[in-house]
């Protein structure tokens, strides 16, 4: 019997979030290449261009999404890992970890499209899921 029943859900969520990061990075590279605006001299030189003063607004938006992920996803991974290591149940893990990953995909989509209030709603919903994981973890040690 698996001593860490939540581990498969943790690995699935980790994989999904890594896929999301890879897709976002690819979108940013494609957008930067299409705009032909490179602020880094060696990147501009690679395409035979002079460095741009600023990047396209969409490339900047991709960078903003990336920063938001870097600020938020590590907290999820830490909380989800704690829940997993504490022996959290597989069903709760599948629901919570899967929900968090899906919400972060949604957050990225609405952020890239500039859709408010949906971006804020997705962000706040992901925080609610994160705190639910934390509270369930605390219950496991109580």
N, C-alpha and C. Protein backbone atom coordinates (compact mmCIF):
# COMPACT_ATOMS: atom_id res chain seq x y z
N UNK A 1 0.84 -1.19 0.00
CA UNK A 1 0.00 0.00 0.00
C UNK A 1 0.89 1.25 0.00
N UNK A 2 0.47 2.25 -0.74
CA UNK A 2 1.21 3.51 -0.83
C UNK A 2 1.14 4.24 0.51
N UNK A 3 2.30 4.54 1.08
CA UNK A 3 2.31 5.26 2.35
C UNK A 3 2.06 6.74 2.16
N UNK A 4 2.13 7.20 0.94
CA UNK A 4 1.84 8.61 0.61
C UNK A 4 0.74 8.65 -0.44
N UNK A 5 -0.51 8.49 -0.02
CA UNK A 5 -1.60 8.40 -1.00
C UNK A 5 -1.76 9.63 -1.87
N UNK A 6 -1.31 10.80 -1.41
CA UNK A 6 -1.47 12.03 -2.20
C UNK A 6 -0.36 12.22 -3.22
N UNK A 7 0.66 11.36 -3.19
CA UNK A 7 1.82 11.54 -4.07
C UNK A 7 1.46 11.57 -5.56
N UNK A 8 0.62 10.67 -6.06
CA UNK A 8 0.28 10.77 -7.49
C UNK A 8 -0.35 12.11 -7.88
N UNK A 9 -1.20 12.65 -7.03
CA UNK A 9 -1.83 13.95 -7.31
C UNK A 9 -0.79 15.06 -7.28
N UNK A 10 0.16 14.96 -6.35
CA UNK A 10 1.23 15.95 -6.27
C UNK A 10 2.07 15.93 -7.54
N UNK A 11 2.46 14.75 -7.99
CA UNK A 11 3.27 14.63 -9.21
C UNK A 11 2.49 15.12 -10.42
N UNK A 12 1.21 14.82 -10.48
CA UNK A 12 0.38 15.28 -11.61
C UNK A 12 0.28 16.81 -11.63
N UNK A 13 0.06 17.42 -10.46
CA UNK A 13 -0.03 18.89 -10.40
C UNK A 13 1.31 19.53 -10.74
N UNK A 14 2.38 18.97 -10.22
CA UNK A 14 3.72 19.48 -10.52
C UNK A 14 3.98 19.41 -12.02
N UNK A 15 3.63 18.30 -12.64
CA UNK A 15 3.82 18.14 -14.08
C UNK A 15 2.97 19.14 -14.86
N UNK A 16 1.72 19.32 -14.45
CA UNK A 16 0.83 20.27 -15.13
C UNK A 16 1.38 21.69 -15.03
N UNK A 17 1.88 22.07 -13.85
CA UNK A 17 2.40 23.43 -13.68
C UNK A 17 3.71 23.62 -14.44
N UNK A 18 4.52 22.58 -14.54
CA UNK A 18 5.73 22.65 -15.37
C UNK A 18 5.36 22.79 -16.84
N UNK A 19 4.34 22.06 -17.27
CA UNK A 19 3.86 22.20 -18.65
C UNK A 19 3.37 23.62 -18.91
N UNK A 20 2.64 24.18 -17.95
CA UNK A 20 2.15 25.55 -18.10
C UNK A 20 3.30 26.54 -18.24
N UNK A 21 4.32 26.37 -17.41
CA UNK A 21 5.49 27.25 -17.47
C UNK A 21 6.19 27.12 -18.82
N UNK A 22 6.30 25.90 -19.31
CA UNK A 22 6.94 25.67 -20.61
C UNK A 22 6.13 26.31 -21.73
N UNK A 23 4.82 26.16 -21.68
CA UNK A 23 3.96 26.78 -22.70
C UNK A 23 4.06 28.30 -22.64
N UNK A 24 4.03 28.86 -21.45
CA UNK A 24 4.14 30.32 -21.31
C UNK A 24 5.48 30.82 -21.85
N UNK A 25 6.53 30.12 -21.54
CA UNK A 25 7.85 30.50 -22.03
C UNK A 25 7.90 30.45 -23.56
N UNK A 26 7.30 29.42 -24.12
CA UNK A 26 7.26 29.28 -25.58
C UNK A 26 6.44 30.42 -26.21
N UNK A 27 5.30 30.73 -25.60
CA UNK A 27 4.47 31.84 -26.09
C UNK A 27 5.27 33.14 -26.06
N UNK A 28 6.02 33.36 -24.99
CA UNK A 28 6.80 34.59 -24.87
C UNK A 28 7.89 34.66 -25.93
N UNK A 29 8.57 33.55 -26.19
CA UNK A 29 9.62 33.53 -27.21
C UNK A 29 9.03 33.80 -28.59
N UNK A 30 7.90 33.17 -28.88
CA UNK A 30 7.25 33.38 -30.19
C UNK A 30 6.82 34.84 -30.31
N UNK A 31 6.23 35.39 -29.27
CA UNK A 31 5.78 36.79 -29.31
C UNK A 31 6.96 37.74 -29.49
N UNK A 32 8.05 37.47 -28.79
CA UNK A 32 9.24 38.32 -28.90
C UNK A 32 9.81 38.24 -30.31
N UNK A 33 9.85 37.05 -30.88
CA UNK A 33 10.39 36.86 -32.23
C UNK A 33 9.50 37.55 -33.26
N UNK A 34 8.19 37.42 -33.11
CA UNK A 34 7.27 38.07 -34.05
C UNK A 34 7.34 39.59 -33.98
N UNK A 35 7.51 40.12 -32.77
CA UNK A 35 7.55 41.58 -32.63
C UNK A 35 8.89 42.15 -33.11
N UNK A 36 9.93 41.30 -33.11
CA UNK A 36 11.27 41.69 -33.51
C UNK A 36 11.80 42.85 -32.64
N UNK A 37 11.37 42.83 -31.38
CA UNK A 37 11.83 43.83 -30.40
C UNK A 37 12.56 43.10 -29.29
N UNK A 38 13.87 43.23 -29.27
CA UNK A 38 14.71 42.55 -28.30
C UNK A 38 15.49 43.60 -27.51
N UNK A 39 15.31 43.60 -26.20
CA UNK A 39 16.03 44.57 -25.38
C UNK A 39 17.43 44.08 -25.02
N UNK A 40 17.63 42.79 -25.06
CA UNK A 40 18.94 42.22 -24.76
C UNK A 40 19.81 42.29 -26.02
N UNK A 41 20.98 42.96 -25.94
CA UNK A 41 21.80 43.18 -27.14
C UNK A 41 22.13 41.89 -27.90
N UNK A 42 22.49 40.82 -27.20
CA UNK A 42 22.87 39.60 -27.92
C UNK A 42 21.69 38.95 -28.62
N UNK A 43 20.48 39.10 -28.07
CA UNK A 43 19.29 38.59 -28.75
C UNK A 43 19.00 39.40 -30.01
N UNK A 44 19.09 40.72 -29.89
CA UNK A 44 18.87 41.58 -31.05
C UNK A 44 19.89 41.28 -32.13
N UNK A 45 21.14 41.14 -31.73
CA UNK A 45 22.23 40.87 -32.67
C UNK A 45 21.99 39.55 -33.41
N UNK A 46 21.46 38.54 -32.71
CA UNK A 46 21.17 37.24 -33.32
C UNK A 46 20.25 37.39 -34.53
N UNK A 47 19.34 38.38 -34.47
CA UNK A 47 18.40 38.62 -35.57
C UNK A 47 18.82 39.79 -36.45
N UNK A 48 20.04 40.28 -36.26
CA UNK A 48 20.54 41.39 -37.07
C UNK A 48 19.83 42.70 -36.79
N UNK A 49 19.42 42.91 -35.56
CA UNK A 49 18.67 44.12 -35.18
C UNK A 49 19.42 44.90 -34.11
N UNK A 50 19.08 46.15 -34.00
CA UNK A 50 19.58 46.95 -32.88
C UNK A 50 18.69 46.66 -31.67
N UNK A 51 19.25 46.72 -30.48
CA UNK A 51 18.43 46.49 -29.28
C UNK A 51 17.28 47.50 -29.21
N UNK A 52 16.12 47.00 -28.81
CA UNK A 52 14.94 47.86 -28.66
C UNK A 52 14.98 48.54 -27.29
N UNK A 53 14.32 49.67 -27.21
CA UNK A 53 14.24 50.39 -25.94
C UNK A 53 13.32 49.63 -24.98
N UNK A 54 12.23 49.06 -25.52
CA UNK A 54 11.30 48.29 -24.72
C UNK A 54 10.71 47.17 -25.56
N UNK A 55 10.19 46.18 -24.88
CA UNK A 55 9.58 45.05 -25.57
C UNK A 55 8.11 45.33 -25.85
N UNK A 56 7.53 44.50 -26.70
CA UNK A 56 6.11 44.67 -27.01
C UNK A 56 5.28 44.46 -25.75
N UNK A 57 4.11 45.04 -25.73
CA UNK A 57 3.26 44.97 -24.53
C UNK A 57 2.88 43.52 -24.21
N UNK A 58 2.70 42.69 -25.23
CA UNK A 58 2.33 41.31 -24.98
C UNK A 58 3.50 40.53 -24.36
N UNK A 59 4.71 40.80 -24.81
CA UNK A 59 5.89 40.16 -24.22
C UNK A 59 6.03 40.58 -22.76
N UNK A 60 5.78 41.84 -22.48
CA UNK A 60 5.81 42.33 -21.10
C UNK A 60 4.73 41.63 -20.28
N UNK A 61 3.56 41.47 -20.85
CA UNK A 61 2.46 40.79 -20.16
C UNK A 61 2.85 39.34 -19.85
N UNK A 62 3.50 38.67 -20.80
CA UNK A 62 3.99 37.30 -20.54
C UNK A 62 4.96 37.30 -19.36
N UNK A 63 5.84 38.27 -19.32
CA UNK A 63 6.77 38.38 -18.21
C UNK A 63 6.06 38.61 -16.88
N UNK A 64 4.98 39.38 -16.92
CA UNK A 64 4.19 39.63 -15.70
C UNK A 64 3.54 38.34 -15.21
N UNK A 65 3.03 37.54 -16.15
CA UNK A 65 2.44 36.25 -15.77
C UNK A 65 3.51 35.36 -15.15
N UNK A 66 4.68 35.34 -15.78
CA UNK A 66 5.79 34.52 -15.28
C UNK A 66 6.13 34.92 -13.84
N UNK A 67 6.26 36.23 -13.60
CA UNK A 67 6.57 36.70 -12.25
C UNK A 67 5.48 36.32 -11.25
N UNK A 68 4.23 36.43 -11.68
CA UNK A 68 3.13 36.07 -10.80
C UNK A 68 3.21 34.58 -10.44
N UNK A 69 3.52 33.75 -11.41
CA UNK A 69 3.68 32.32 -11.14
C UNK A 69 4.83 32.06 -10.18
N UNK A 70 5.95 32.74 -10.40
CA UNK A 70 7.12 32.54 -9.54
C UNK A 70 6.83 32.99 -8.11
N UNK A 71 5.96 33.96 -7.95
CA UNK A 71 5.59 34.44 -6.62
C UNK A 71 4.58 33.53 -5.92
N UNK A 72 3.78 32.79 -6.67
CA UNK A 72 2.68 32.05 -6.08
C UNK A 72 2.82 30.53 -6.11
N UNK A 73 3.30 29.97 -7.19
CA UNK A 73 3.34 28.51 -7.32
C UNK A 73 4.26 27.85 -6.30
N UNK A 74 5.41 28.44 -5.93
CA UNK A 74 6.22 27.78 -4.89
C UNK A 74 5.47 27.58 -3.57
N UNK A 75 4.60 28.52 -3.20
CA UNK A 75 3.81 28.35 -1.98
C UNK A 75 2.88 27.15 -2.11
N UNK A 76 2.28 27.00 -3.28
CA UNK A 76 1.43 25.83 -3.51
C UNK A 76 2.24 24.55 -3.40
N UNK A 77 3.40 24.52 -4.07
CA UNK A 77 4.21 23.31 -4.06
C UNK A 77 4.63 22.94 -2.63
N UNK A 78 4.98 23.94 -1.84
CA UNK A 78 5.36 23.68 -0.45
C UNK A 78 4.17 23.13 0.34
N UNK A 79 3.02 23.76 0.20
CA UNK A 79 1.83 23.32 0.93
C UNK A 79 1.38 21.93 0.46
N UNK A 80 1.40 21.71 -0.83
CA UNK A 80 1.00 20.41 -1.38
C UNK A 80 1.97 19.32 -0.96
N UNK A 81 3.25 19.63 -0.93
CA UNK A 81 4.25 18.65 -0.49
C UNK A 81 4.04 18.33 0.99
N UNK A 82 3.77 19.35 1.80
CA UNK A 82 3.51 19.11 3.22
C UNK A 82 2.30 18.20 3.40
N UNK A 83 1.22 18.49 2.68
CA UNK A 83 0.01 17.66 2.75
C UNK A 83 0.33 16.22 2.35
N UNK A 84 1.12 16.08 1.31
CA UNK A 84 1.51 14.76 0.82
C UNK A 84 2.35 14.02 1.85
N UNK A 85 3.36 14.68 2.39
CA UNK A 85 4.26 14.03 3.35
C UNK A 85 3.57 13.72 4.68
N UNK A 86 2.53 14.47 5.00
CA UNK A 86 1.77 14.22 6.22
C UNK A 86 0.77 13.08 6.04
N UNK A 87 0.71 12.53 4.84
CA UNK A 87 -0.19 11.40 4.58
C UNK A 87 -1.59 11.80 4.21
N UNK A 88 -1.74 12.99 3.65
CA UNK A 88 -3.07 13.45 3.22
C UNK A 88 -3.71 12.45 2.27
N UNK A 89 -5.04 12.45 2.27
CA UNK A 89 -5.75 11.46 1.46
C UNK A 89 -5.71 11.78 -0.03
N UNK A 90 -5.76 10.73 -0.81
CA UNK A 90 -5.64 10.84 -2.27
C UNK A 90 -6.78 11.64 -2.89
N UNK A 91 -8.00 11.43 -2.38
CA UNK A 91 -9.16 12.11 -2.97
C UNK A 91 -9.08 13.62 -2.79
N UNK A 92 -8.78 14.06 -1.57
CA UNK A 92 -8.63 15.50 -1.32
C UNK A 92 -7.49 16.07 -2.16
N UNK A 93 -6.39 15.35 -2.21
CA UNK A 93 -5.23 15.82 -2.97
C UNK A 93 -5.58 15.97 -4.45
N UNK A 94 -6.25 14.97 -5.00
CA UNK A 94 -6.61 15.03 -6.42
C UNK A 94 -7.49 16.24 -6.69
N UNK A 95 -8.46 16.45 -5.84
CA UNK A 95 -9.39 17.57 -6.01
C UNK A 95 -8.68 18.91 -5.83
N UNK A 96 -7.95 19.06 -4.73
CA UNK A 96 -7.32 20.35 -4.42
C UNK A 96 -6.15 20.66 -5.35
N UNK A 97 -5.26 19.71 -5.53
CA UNK A 97 -4.08 19.96 -6.38
C UNK A 97 -4.51 20.16 -7.83
N UNK A 98 -5.46 19.34 -8.29
CA UNK A 98 -5.97 19.49 -9.66
C UNK A 98 -6.67 20.81 -9.86
N UNK A 99 -7.45 21.22 -8.85
CA UNK A 99 -8.14 22.52 -8.94
C UNK A 99 -7.14 23.66 -9.01
N UNK A 100 -6.12 23.59 -8.16
CA UNK A 100 -5.12 24.67 -8.16
C UNK A 100 -4.44 24.78 -9.52
N UNK A 101 -4.01 23.65 -10.06
CA UNK A 101 -3.33 23.68 -11.37
C UNK A 101 -4.27 24.21 -12.45
N UNK A 102 -5.51 23.75 -12.46
CA UNK A 102 -6.47 24.23 -13.47
C UNK A 102 -6.72 25.73 -13.33
N UNK A 103 -6.84 26.20 -12.10
CA UNK A 103 -7.07 27.63 -11.86
C UNK A 103 -5.87 28.44 -12.33
N UNK A 104 -4.65 27.94 -12.12
CA UNK A 104 -3.46 28.67 -12.58
C UNK A 104 -3.42 28.71 -14.10
N UNK A 105 -3.86 27.66 -14.79
CA UNK A 105 -3.97 27.70 -16.25
C UNK A 105 -4.96 28.78 -16.65
N UNK A 106 -6.11 28.80 -15.99
CA UNK A 106 -7.12 29.81 -16.27
C UNK A 106 -6.59 31.21 -15.99
N UNK A 107 -5.90 31.37 -14.88
CA UNK A 107 -5.32 32.66 -14.52
C UNK A 107 -4.38 33.15 -15.62
N UNK A 108 -3.55 32.26 -16.14
CA UNK A 108 -2.63 32.63 -17.21
C UNK A 108 -3.40 33.09 -18.45
N UNK A 109 -4.42 32.34 -18.83
CA UNK A 109 -5.19 32.68 -20.03
C UNK A 109 -5.85 34.04 -19.89
N UNK A 110 -6.48 34.30 -18.74
CA UNK A 110 -7.17 35.59 -18.60
C UNK A 110 -6.17 36.73 -18.41
N UNK A 111 -5.02 36.45 -17.81
CA UNK A 111 -3.99 37.49 -17.66
C UNK A 111 -3.45 37.88 -19.04
N UNK A 112 -3.16 36.88 -19.87
CA UNK A 112 -2.63 37.19 -21.21
C UNK A 112 -3.63 37.96 -22.06
N UNK A 113 -4.91 37.76 -21.82
CA UNK A 113 -5.94 38.46 -22.58
C UNK A 113 -6.36 39.76 -21.92
N UNK A 114 -5.87 40.03 -20.72
CA UNK A 114 -6.20 41.28 -20.02
C UNK A 114 -7.63 41.34 -19.55
N UNK A 115 -8.15 40.23 -19.07
CA UNK A 115 -9.55 40.16 -18.68
C UNK A 115 -9.73 40.31 -17.17
N UNK A 116 -10.18 41.47 -16.76
CA UNK A 116 -10.56 41.70 -15.37
C UNK A 116 -12.08 41.79 -15.36
N UNK A 117 -12.77 41.33 -14.37
CA UNK A 117 -12.28 40.90 -13.06
C UNK A 117 -11.88 39.43 -13.01
N UNK A 118 -11.90 38.75 -14.16
CA UNK A 118 -11.64 37.30 -14.16
C UNK A 118 -10.25 36.95 -13.65
N UNK A 119 -9.27 37.81 -13.95
CA UNK A 119 -7.92 37.56 -13.45
C UNK A 119 -7.90 37.58 -11.93
N UNK A 120 -8.53 38.58 -11.34
CA UNK A 120 -8.58 38.69 -9.88
C UNK A 120 -9.36 37.53 -9.27
N UNK A 121 -10.44 37.14 -9.91
CA UNK A 121 -11.25 36.03 -9.40
C UNK A 121 -10.43 34.73 -9.43
N UNK A 122 -9.71 34.50 -10.52
CA UNK A 122 -8.88 33.29 -10.61
C UNK A 122 -7.79 33.32 -9.55
N UNK A 123 -7.17 34.47 -9.37
CA UNK A 123 -6.11 34.59 -8.36
C UNK A 123 -6.65 34.31 -6.97
N UNK A 124 -7.76 34.95 -6.62
CA UNK A 124 -8.33 34.78 -5.28
C UNK A 124 -8.82 33.35 -5.06
N UNK A 125 -9.34 32.72 -6.11
CA UNK A 125 -9.77 31.33 -6.00
C UNK A 125 -8.57 30.42 -5.77
N UNK A 126 -7.47 30.69 -6.44
CA UNK A 126 -6.27 29.86 -6.21
C UNK A 126 -5.77 30.03 -4.78
N UNK A 127 -5.87 31.25 -4.25
CA UNK A 127 -5.49 31.46 -2.84
C UNK A 127 -6.40 30.68 -1.89
N UNK A 128 -7.68 30.65 -2.19
CA UNK A 128 -8.62 29.89 -1.35
C UNK A 128 -8.27 28.41 -1.37
N UNK A 129 -7.92 27.88 -2.53
CA UNK A 129 -7.52 26.47 -2.62
C UNK A 129 -6.23 26.25 -1.83
N UNK A 130 -5.28 27.16 -1.99
CA UNK A 130 -4.01 27.04 -1.27
C UNK A 130 -4.25 27.01 0.24
N UNK A 131 -5.07 27.93 0.75
CA UNK A 131 -5.33 27.97 2.18
C UNK A 131 -6.11 26.74 2.64
N UNK A 132 -6.92 26.19 1.77
CA UNK A 132 -7.62 24.95 2.12
C UNK A 132 -6.61 23.82 2.31
N UNK A 133 -5.61 23.76 1.45
CA UNK A 133 -4.56 22.75 1.59
C UNK A 133 -3.81 22.95 2.90
N UNK A 134 -3.48 24.18 3.21
CA UNK A 134 -2.76 24.49 4.46
C UNK A 134 -3.59 24.07 5.68
N UNK A 135 -4.87 24.42 5.67
CA UNK A 135 -5.74 24.09 6.81
C UNK A 135 -5.89 22.58 6.95
N UNK A 136 -6.05 21.88 5.83
CA UNK A 136 -6.14 20.42 5.89
C UNK A 136 -4.83 19.80 6.38
N UNK A 137 -3.71 20.41 6.04
CA UNK A 137 -2.41 19.92 6.53
C UNK A 137 -2.30 20.13 8.04
N UNK A 138 -2.71 21.30 8.51
CA UNK A 138 -2.69 21.57 9.94
C UNK A 138 -3.58 20.59 10.71
N UNK A 139 -4.70 20.24 10.11
CA UNK A 139 -5.62 19.27 10.74
C UNK A 139 -4.95 17.90 10.87
N UNK A 140 -4.06 17.58 9.95
CA UNK A 140 -3.38 16.29 10.00
C UNK A 140 -2.39 16.20 11.14
N UNK A 141 -1.88 17.34 11.60
CA UNK A 141 -0.91 17.32 12.69
C UNK A 141 -1.54 17.64 14.04
N UNK A 142 -2.81 17.99 14.02
CA UNK A 142 -3.49 18.34 15.28
C UNK A 142 -3.89 17.11 16.07
